[in-house]
């Protein structure tokens, strides 16, 4: 009887530990991989996230993005913006739907802050997807980094939007 109880306690402990590790891993966010990021934002239903403060629906977008944009932020990004410290927390994610002039979805851009991923680039993982979800570009995208790093404040995010 004691042996059976001991085995049960060990199995229960291992199960809880593994469950805790999986839960903690899920809370960290996806891997720095385009498909993993796409799957994550779809599962999380990013279009139900808060919009970037001060924006609503579709607004006119600058090049090289679409003619119209809708920008969503996860809670970590939203809290960082509201704190107005000019830096985003690790795990912050910004998802931007890019529309053409006829307001048809052209592509989806993602900025995902991952501690240690790319210190020279603000630790951002970048991804661009076709409207279908197919990965166009991912990783340390030079075009994205060069444009965003030209803004020396606010962690490579345009200062005009950080209000």
C-alpha atoms as a PDB file:
ATOM      1  CA  UNK A   1       0.000   0.000   0.000  1.00  0.00           C
ATOM      2  CA  UNK A   2       2.779   2.433   0.935  1.00  0.00           C
ATOM      3  CA  UNK A   3       4.668   1.530  -2.235  1.00  0.00           C
ATOM      4  CA  UNK A   4       1.589   2.244  -4.388  1.00  0.00           C
ATOM      5  CA  UNK A   5       1.047   5.570  -2.640  1.00  0.00           C
ATOM      6  CA  UNK A   6       4.701   6.471  -3.142  1.00  0.00           C
ATOM      7  CA  UNK A   7       4.528   5.627  -6.862  1.00  0.00           C
ATOM      8  CA  UNK A   8       1.326   7.690  -7.174  1.00  0.00           C
ATOM      9  CA  UNK A   9       2.963  10.662  -5.414  1.00  0.00           C
ATOM     10  CA  UNK A  10       6.011  10.463  -7.708  1.00  0.00           C
ATOM     11  CA  UNK A  11       3.870  10.235 -10.855  1.00  0.00           C
ATOM     12  CA  UNK A  12       1.720  13.142  -9.652  1.00  0.00           C
ATOM     13  CA  UNK A  13       4.789  15.259  -8.861  1.00  0.00           C
ATOM     14  CA  UNK A  14       6.378  14.592 -12.253  1.00  0.00           C
ATOM     15  CA  UNK A  15       3.079  15.314 -14.044  1.00  0.00           C
ATOM     16  CA  UNK A  16       2.636  18.616 -12.207  1.00  0.00           C
ATOM     17  CA  UNK A  17       6.235  19.628 -12.857  1.00  0.00           C
ATOM     18  CA  UNK A  18       5.936  18.889 -16.576  1.00  0.00           C
ATOM     19  CA  UNK A  19       2.598  20.696 -16.757  1.00  0.00           C
ATOM     20  CA  UNK A  20       4.134  23.705 -15.036  1.00  0.00           C
ATOM     21  CA  UNK A  21       7.043  23.752 -17.475  1.00  0.00           C
ATOM     22  CA  UNK A  22       4.690  23.548 -20.454  1.00  0.00           C
ATOM     23  CA  UNK A  23       2.511  26.322 -19.020  1.00  0.00           C
ATOM     24  CA  UNK A  24       5.546  28.520 -18.384  1.00  0.00           C
ATOM     25  CA  UNK A  25       6.847  27.814 -21.884  1.00  0.00           C
ATOM     26  CA  UNK A  26       3.471  28.724 -23.403  1.00  0.00           C
ATOM     27  CA  UNK A  27       3.467  31.999 -21.485  1.00  0.00           C
ATOM     28  CA  UNK A  28       6.898  32.907 -22.905  1.00  0.00           C
ATOM     29  CA  UNK A  29       5.528  33.075 -26.410  1.00  0.00           C
ATOM     30  CA  UNK A  30       6.498  31.344 -29.609  1.00  0.00           C
ATOM     31  CA  UNK A  31       9.926  30.409 -30.884  1.00  0.00           C
ATOM     32  CA  UNK A  32      11.731  32.896 -33.122  1.00  0.00           C
ATOM     33  CA  UNK A  33      10.456  31.162 -36.218  1.00  0.00           C
ATOM     34  CA  UNK A  34       8.004  32.556 -38.766  1.00  0.00           C
ATOM     35  CA  UNK A  35       5.639  29.586 -38.756  1.00  0.00           C
ATOM     36  CA  UNK A  36       5.630  29.420 -34.951  1.00  0.00           C
ATOM     37  CA  UNK A  37       4.857  33.142 -34.734  1.00  0.00           C
ATOM     38  CA  UNK A  38       2.073  32.874 -37.324  1.00  0.00           C
ATOM     39  CA  UNK A  39       0.530  29.900 -35.520  1.00  0.00           C
ATOM     40  CA  UNK A  40       0.790  31.768 -32.212  1.00  0.00           C
ATOM     41  CA  UNK A  41      -0.921  34.961 -33.396  1.00  0.00           C
ATOM     42  CA  UNK A  42      -3.674  32.938 -35.049  1.00  0.00           C
ATOM     43  CA  UNK A  43      -4.247  30.863 -31.911  1.00  0.00           C
ATOM     44  CA  UNK A  44      -4.222  34.026 -29.784  1.00  0.00           C
ATOM     45  CA  UNK A  45      -6.650  35.730 -32.190  1.00  0.00           C
ATOM     46  CA  UNK A  46      -4.477  38.819 -32.437  1.00  0.00           C
ATOM     47  CA  UNK A  47      -7.260  40.819 -34.079  1.00  0.00           C
ATOM     48  CA  UNK A  48      -9.004  40.752 -30.700  1.00  0.00           C
ATOM     49  CA  UNK A  49      -5.974  42.373 -29.013  1.00  0.00           C
ATOM     50  CA  UNK A  50      -5.937  46.038 -28.148  1.00  0.00           C
ATOM     51  CA  UNK A  51      -5.021  48.403 -30.918  1.00  0.00           C
ATOM     52  CA  UNK A  52      -1.987  50.622 -30.646  1.00  0.00           C
ATOM     53  CA  UNK A  53      -3.111  53.500 -28.410  1.00  0.00           C
ATOM     54  CA  UNK A  54      -4.299  56.459 -30.448  1.00  0.00           C
ATOM     55  CA  UNK A  55      -5.166  54.374 -33.507  1.00  0.00           C
ATOM     56  CA  UNK A  56      -8.444  52.873 -34.581  1.00  0.00           C
ATOM     57  CA  UNK A  57      -9.374  50.582 -37.407  1.00  0.00           C
ATOM     58  CA  UNK A  58      -7.537  51.363 -40.590  1.00  0.00           C
ATOM     59  CA  UNK A  59      -5.363  54.455 -40.698  1.00  0.00           C
ATOM     60  CA  UNK A  60      -3.111  55.777 -43.464  1.00  0.00           C
ATOM     61  CA  UNK A  61       0.234  54.042 -43.459  1.00  0.00           C
ATOM     62  CA  UNK A  62       3.741  55.110 -44.403  1.00  0.00           C
ATOM     63  CA  UNK A  63       5.983  53.304 -46.876  1.00  0.00           C
ATOM     64  CA  UNK A  64       7.131  50.559 -46.969  1.00  0.00           C
ATOM     65  CA  UNK A  65       3.983  49.375 -45.225  1.00  0.00           C
ATOM     66  CA  UNK A  66       0.555  49.306 -46.783  1.00  0.00           C
ATOM     67  CA  UNK A  67      -1.549  52.286 -47.807  1.00  0.00           C
ATOM     68  CA  UNK A  68      -3.707  51.552 -44.741  1.00  0.00           C
ATOM     69  CA  UNK A  69      -2.725  49.859 -41.489  1.00  0.00           C
ATOM     70  CA  UNK A  70      -4.308  48.367 -38.403  1.00  0.00           C
ATOM     71  CA  UNK A  71      -1.879  47.835 -35.525  1.00  0.00           C
ATOM     72  CA  UNK A  72      -2.541  45.397 -32.689  1.00  0.00           C
ATOM     73  CA  UNK A  73      -0.477  44.929 -29.528  1.00  0.00           C
ATOM     74  CA  UNK A  74      -0.387  42.171 -26.960  1.00  0.00           C
ATOM     75  CA  UNK A  75      -0.684  43.034 -23.272  1.00  0.00           C
ATOM     76  CA  UNK A  76       3.097  43.262 -22.746  1.00  0.00           C
ATOM     77  CA  UNK A  77       3.400  45.771 -25.596  1.00  0.00           C
ATOM     78  CA  UNK A  78       0.340  47.730 -24.453  1.00  0.00           C
ATOM     79  CA  UNK A  79       1.677  47.990 -20.897  1.00  0.00           C
ATOM     80  CA  UNK A  80       5.069  49.125 -22.249  1.00  0.00           C
ATOM     81  CA  UNK A  81       3.464  51.838 -24.359  1.00  0.00           C
ATOM     82  CA  UNK A  82       1.357  53.068 -21.463  1.00  0.00           C
ATOM     83  CA  UNK A  83       4.414  53.158 -19.157  1.00  0.00           C
ATOM     84  CA  UNK A  84       6.070  55.613 -21.613  1.00  0.00           C
ATOM     85  CA  UNK A  85       9.580  54.447 -20.717  1.00  0.00           C
ATOM     86  CA  UNK A  86      10.614  54.153 -24.358  1.00  0.00           C
ATOM     87  CA  UNK A  87      11.433  50.446 -24.092  1.00  0.00           C
ATOM     88  CA  UNK A  88       9.272  47.422 -24.658  1.00  0.00           C
ATOM     89  CA  UNK A  89       9.156  44.480 -22.256  1.00  0.00           C
ATOM     90  CA  UNK A  90      10.423  41.099 -23.365  1.00  0.00           C
ATOM     91  CA  UNK A  91       7.540  39.200 -24.924  1.00  0.00           C
ATOM     92  CA  UNK A  92       5.997  42.364 -26.378  1.00  0.00           C
ATOM     93  CA  UNK A  93       4.405  41.702 -29.745  1.00  0.00           C
ATOM     94  CA  UNK A  94       3.151  44.179 -32.316  1.00  0.00           C
ATOM     95  CA  UNK A  95       1.109  42.871 -35.233  1.00  0.00           C
ATOM     96  CA  UNK A  96       0.281  45.128 -38.125  1.00  0.00           C
ATOM     97  CA  UNK A  97      -2.228  44.336 -40.849  1.00  0.00           C
ATOM     98  CA  UNK A  98      -1.117  46.088 -44.053  1.00  0.00           C
ATOM     99  CA  UNK A  99      -3.786  46.922 -46.632  1.00  0.00           C
ATOM    100  CA  UNK A 100      -3.489  48.166 -50.202  1.00  0.00           C
ATOM    101  CA  UNK A 101      -5.256  51.269 -51.562  1.00  0.00           C
ATOM    102  CA  UNK A 102      -8.492  49.286 -52.027  1.00  0.00           C
ATOM    103  CA  UNK A 103      -8.237  48.229 -48.352  1.00  0.00           C
ATOM    104  CA  UNK A 104      -7.559  44.593 -49.209  1.00  0.00           C
ATOM    105  CA  UNK A 105      -5.187  42.812 -46.800  1.00  0.00           C
ATOM    106  CA  UNK A 106      -1.764  42.746 -48.442  1.00  0.00           C
ATOM    107  CA  UNK A 107       0.439  41.325 -45.683  1.00  0.00           C
ATOM    108  CA  UNK A 108       0.876  41.034 -41.921  1.00  0.00           C
ATOM    109  CA  UNK A 109       3.990  42.319 -40.171  1.00  0.00           C
ATOM    110  CA  UNK A 110       5.092  41.211 -36.718  1.00  0.00           C
ATOM    111  CA  UNK A 111       7.637  42.615 -34.272  1.00  0.00           C
ATOM    112  CA  UNK A 112       8.310  40.279 -31.361  1.00  0.00           C
ATOM    113  CA  UNK A 113      10.687  41.254 -28.525  1.00  0.00           C
ATOM    114  CA  UNK A 114      12.789  38.294 -27.397  1.00  0.00           C
ATOM    115  CA  UNK A 115      15.496  38.819 -24.791  1.00  0.00           C
ATOM    116  CA  UNK A 116      18.924  38.026 -26.229  1.00  0.00           C
ATOM    117  CA  UNK A 117      17.642  37.374 -29.760  1.00  0.00           C
ATOM    118  CA  UNK A 118      19.363  40.332 -31.432  1.00  0.00           C
ATOM    119  CA  UNK A 119      20.823  42.843 -28.960  1.00  0.00           C
ATOM    120  CA  UNK A 120      22.141  45.050 -31.782  1.00  0.00           C
ATOM    121  CA  UNK A 121      18.610  45.272 -33.187  1.00  0.00           C
ATOM    122  CA  UNK A 122      16.765  45.905 -29.937  1.00  0.00           C
ATOM    123  CA  UNK A 123      16.124  42.158 -29.463  1.00  0.00           C
ATOM    124  CA  UNK A 124      13.310  42.251 -32.032  1.00  0.00           C
ATOM    125  CA  UNK A 125      12.379  39.265 -34.158  1.00  0.00           C
ATOM    126  CA  UNK A 126      10.726  40.502 -37.356  1.00  0.00           C
ATOM    127  CA  UNK A 127       8.380  38.634 -39.639  1.00  0.00           C
ATOM    128  CA  UNK A 128       6.318  39.485 -42.661  1.00  0.00           C
ATOM    129  CA  UNK A 129       3.577  37.196 -43.897  1.00  0.00           C
ATOM    130  CA  UNK A 130       1.449  37.147 -47.008  1.00  0.00           C
ATOM    131  CA  UNK A 131      -2.276  37.474 -46.249  1.00  0.00           C
ATOM    132  CA  UNK A 132      -2.440  33.676 -46.619  1.00  0.00           C
ATOM    133  CA  UNK A 133      -0.007  33.218 -43.725  1.00  0.00           C
ATOM    134  CA  UNK A 134       2.929  32.168 -45.898  1.00  0.00           C
ATOM    135  CA  UNK A 135       6.200  33.543 -44.517  1.00  0.00           C
ATOM    136  CA  UNK A 136       7.641  36.259 -46.774  1.00  0.00           C
ATOM    137  CA  UNK A 137      10.565  37.260 -44.538  1.00  0.00           C
ATOM    138  CA  UNK A 138      11.599  36.472 -40.992  1.00  0.00           C
ATOM    139  CA  UNK A 139      14.366  36.996 -38.484  1.00  0.00           C
ATOM    140  CA  UNK A 140      16.794  39.907 -38.403  1.00  0.00           C
ATOM    141  CA  UNK A 141      15.390  41.702 -41.446  1.00  0.00           C
ATOM    142  CA  UNK A 142      17.864  44.430 -42.432  1.00  0.00           C
ATOM    143  CA  UNK A 143      15.250  46.647 -44.107  1.00  0.00           C
ATOM    144  CA  UNK A 144      13.105  46.685 -40.954  1.00  0.00           C
ATOM    145  CA  UNK A 145      16.020  47.199 -38.584  1.00  0.00           C
ATOM    146  CA  UNK A 146      17.578  50.039 -40.607  1.00  0.00           C
ATOM    147  CA  UNK A 147      14.322  51.957 -40.828  1.00  0.00           C
ATOM    148  CA  UNK A 148      13.317  51.481 -37.217  1.00  0.00           C
ATOM    149  CA  UNK A 149      16.769  52.087 -35.753  1.00  0.00           C
ATOM    150  CA  UNK A 150      16.807  55.464 -37.462  1.00  0.00           C
ATOM    151  CA  UNK A 151      14.422  56.388 -34.647  1.00  0.00           C
ATOM    152  CA  UNK A 152      16.921  56.558 -31.780  1.00  0.00           C
ATOM    153  CA  UNK A 153      14.288  56.386 -29.038  1.00  0.00           C
ATOM    154  CA  UNK A 154      11.432  54.087 -28.179  1.00  0.00           C
ATOM    155  CA  UNK A 155      13.111  50.804 -28.894  1.00  0.00           C
ATOM    156  CA  UNK A 156      13.081  51.051 -32.699  1.00  0.00           C
ATOM    157  CA  UNK A 157       9.420  52.019 -32.877  1.00  0.00           C
ATOM    158  CA  UNK A 158       8.386  55.304 -34.408  1.00  0.00           C
ATOM    159  CA  UNK A 159       8.241  58.054 -31.809  1.00  0.00           C
ATOM    160  CA  UNK A 160       5.184  59.668 -33.353  1.00  0.00           C
ATOM    161  CA  UNK A 161       3.199  56.566 -32.440  1.00  0.00           C
ATOM    162  CA  UNK A 162       4.583  56.239 -28.889  1.00  0.00           C
ATOM    163  CA  UNK A 163       2.282  58.825 -27.326  1.00  0.00           C
END
